[in-house]
């Protein structure tokens, strides 16, 4: 069975966000330097960036920042340098 697509009006979206209550909700909000993703309950008077260009960072980059171990330092006193 194919998933059902549902479209919400801006008012419907506001009601949905209020109904979610304590859930963690992340969305693009208006910032001084352009829209950016943020947790809605941590942004004072968050204003959703619904009719603005998309944020430069993707949702994946915001939620899962890139991390790579470059080096691991261990005790190298037992090694001899040549």
C-alpha atoms as a PDB file:
ATOM      1  CA  UNK A   1       0.000   0.000   0.000  1.00  0.00           C
ATOM      2  CA  UNK A   2       1.426   3.392  -1.009  1.00  0.00           C
ATOM      3  CA  UNK A   3       1.837   6.035   1.707  1.00  0.00           C
ATOM      4  CA  UNK A   4      -0.804   8.752   1.721  1.00  0.00           C
ATOM      5  CA  UNK A   5       0.351  12.295   0.957  1.00  0.00           C
ATOM      6  CA  UNK A   6      -1.117  15.014   3.167  1.00  0.00           C
ATOM      7  CA  UNK A   7      -0.808  18.753   2.581  1.00  0.00           C
ATOM      8  CA  UNK A   8      -1.197  21.278   5.400  1.00  0.00           C
ATOM      9  CA  UNK A   9      -2.025  24.957   5.278  1.00  0.00           C
ATOM     10  CA  UNK A  10       0.179  27.326   7.298  1.00  0.00           C
ATOM     11  CA  UNK A  11      -2.535  27.502   9.975  1.00  0.00           C
ATOM     12  CA  UNK A  12      -2.791  23.713   9.978  1.00  0.00           C
ATOM     13  CA  UNK A  13       0.973  23.453  10.451  1.00  0.00           C
ATOM     14  CA  UNK A  14       0.831  25.807  13.434  1.00  0.00           C
ATOM     15  CA  UNK A  15      -1.936  23.684  14.999  1.00  0.00           C
ATOM     16  CA  UNK A  16       0.062  20.491  14.353  1.00  0.00           C
ATOM     17  CA  UNK A  17       3.163  21.942  16.033  1.00  0.00           C
ATOM     18  CA  UNK A  18       1.115  22.973  19.075  1.00  0.00           C
ATOM     19  CA  UNK A  19      -0.431  19.495  19.237  1.00  0.00           C
ATOM     20  CA  UNK A  20       3.004  17.860  19.322  1.00  0.00           C
ATOM     21  CA  UNK A  21       3.579  19.452  22.725  1.00  0.00           C
ATOM     22  CA  UNK A  22       6.728  18.037  24.358  1.00  0.00           C
ATOM     23  CA  UNK A  23       8.135  16.389  21.206  1.00  0.00           C
ATOM     24  CA  UNK A  24      11.461  17.619  19.812  1.00  0.00           C
ATOM     25  CA  UNK A  25      10.661  19.484  16.605  1.00  0.00           C
ATOM     26  CA  UNK A  26      13.340  20.904  14.314  1.00  0.00           C
ATOM     27  CA  UNK A  27      12.517  23.243  11.454  1.00  0.00           C
ATOM     28  CA  UNK A  28      14.019  26.091   9.447  1.00  0.00           C
ATOM     29  CA  UNK A  29      13.548  29.382  11.295  1.00  0.00           C
ATOM     30  CA  UNK A  30      14.320  32.950  10.311  1.00  0.00           C
ATOM     31  CA  UNK A  31      17.739  34.205  11.374  1.00  0.00           C
ATOM     32  CA  UNK A  32      19.606  37.420  10.773  1.00  0.00           C
ATOM     33  CA  UNK A  33      21.919  35.783   8.195  1.00  0.00           C
ATOM     34  CA  UNK A  34      19.163  33.738   6.545  1.00  0.00           C
ATOM     35  CA  UNK A  35      17.127  30.677   7.454  1.00  0.00           C
ATOM     36  CA  UNK A  36      18.748  27.986   9.589  1.00  0.00           C
ATOM     37  CA  UNK A  37      17.560  24.793  11.262  1.00  0.00           C
ATOM     38  CA  UNK A  38      16.848  24.993  14.982  1.00  0.00           C
ATOM     39  CA  UNK A  39      14.925  23.193  17.698  1.00  0.00           C
ATOM     40  CA  UNK A  40      11.675  25.113  17.927  1.00  0.00           C
ATOM     41  CA  UNK A  41      11.318  25.121  21.706  1.00  0.00           C
ATOM     42  CA  UNK A  42      14.848  26.519  22.148  1.00  0.00           C
ATOM     43  CA  UNK A  43      14.305  29.470  19.831  1.00  0.00           C
ATOM     44  CA  UNK A  44      12.601  32.427  21.473  1.00  0.00           C
ATOM     45  CA  UNK A  45       9.480  33.261  19.504  1.00  0.00           C
ATOM     46  CA  UNK A  46      10.586  31.062  16.621  1.00  0.00           C
ATOM     47  CA  UNK A  47       9.351  32.265  13.303  1.00  0.00           C
ATOM     48  CA  UNK A  48       9.234  29.468  10.766  1.00  0.00           C
ATOM     49  CA  UNK A  49      10.956  30.239   7.487  1.00  0.00           C
ATOM     50  CA  UNK A  50       8.156  28.888   5.308  1.00  0.00           C
ATOM     51  CA  UNK A  51       8.351  31.311   2.404  1.00  0.00           C
ATOM     52  CA  UNK A  52      12.100  31.849   2.301  1.00  0.00           C
ATOM     53  CA  UNK A  53      14.953  30.110   0.498  1.00  0.00           C
ATOM     54  CA  UNK A  54      16.069  26.828   2.009  1.00  0.00           C
ATOM     55  CA  UNK A  55      18.812  26.893   4.654  1.00  0.00           C
ATOM     56  CA  UNK A  56      22.315  26.426   3.260  1.00  0.00           C
ATOM     57  CA  UNK A  57      22.916  23.413   5.539  1.00  0.00           C
ATOM     58  CA  UNK A  58      20.865  20.294   4.873  1.00  0.00           C
ATOM     59  CA  UNK A  59      18.722  18.732   7.623  1.00  0.00           C
ATOM     60  CA  UNK A  60      21.152  15.788   7.662  1.00  0.00           C
ATOM     61  CA  UNK A  61      24.164  18.077   8.165  1.00  0.00           C
ATOM     62  CA  UNK A  62      22.353  19.858  11.009  1.00  0.00           C
ATOM     63  CA  UNK A  63      21.215  16.703  12.820  1.00  0.00           C
ATOM     64  CA  UNK A  64      24.296  14.555  12.091  1.00  0.00           C
ATOM     65  CA  UNK A  65      27.372  16.807  11.856  1.00  0.00           C
ATOM     66  CA  UNK A  66      30.358  15.262  10.118  1.00  0.00           C
ATOM     67  CA  UNK A  67      32.928  13.792  12.476  1.00  0.00           C
ATOM     68  CA  UNK A  68      36.095  12.002  11.565  1.00  0.00           C
ATOM     69  CA  UNK A  69      38.895  10.845  13.823  1.00  0.00           C
ATOM     70  CA  UNK A  70      42.080  12.266  12.382  1.00  0.00           C
ATOM     71  CA  UNK A  71      44.604  10.910  14.866  1.00  0.00           C
ATOM     72  CA  UNK A  72      44.854   8.987  18.106  1.00  0.00           C
ATOM     73  CA  UNK A  73      47.716   9.817  20.420  1.00  0.00           C
ATOM     74  CA  UNK A  74      49.026   7.011  22.570  1.00  0.00           C
ATOM     75  CA  UNK A  75      52.101   6.491  24.671  1.00  0.00           C
ATOM     76  CA  UNK A  76      54.930   6.290  22.126  1.00  0.00           C
ATOM     77  CA  UNK A  77      57.779   6.110  24.665  1.00  0.00           C
ATOM     78  CA  UNK A  78      58.440   2.461  23.747  1.00  0.00           C
ATOM     79  CA  UNK A  79      59.161   3.363  20.073  1.00  0.00           C
ATOM     80  CA  UNK A  80      62.645   4.194  18.851  1.00  0.00           C
ATOM     81  CA  UNK A  81      63.166   6.971  16.339  1.00  0.00           C
ATOM     82  CA  UNK A  82      65.609   6.452  13.491  1.00  0.00           C
END
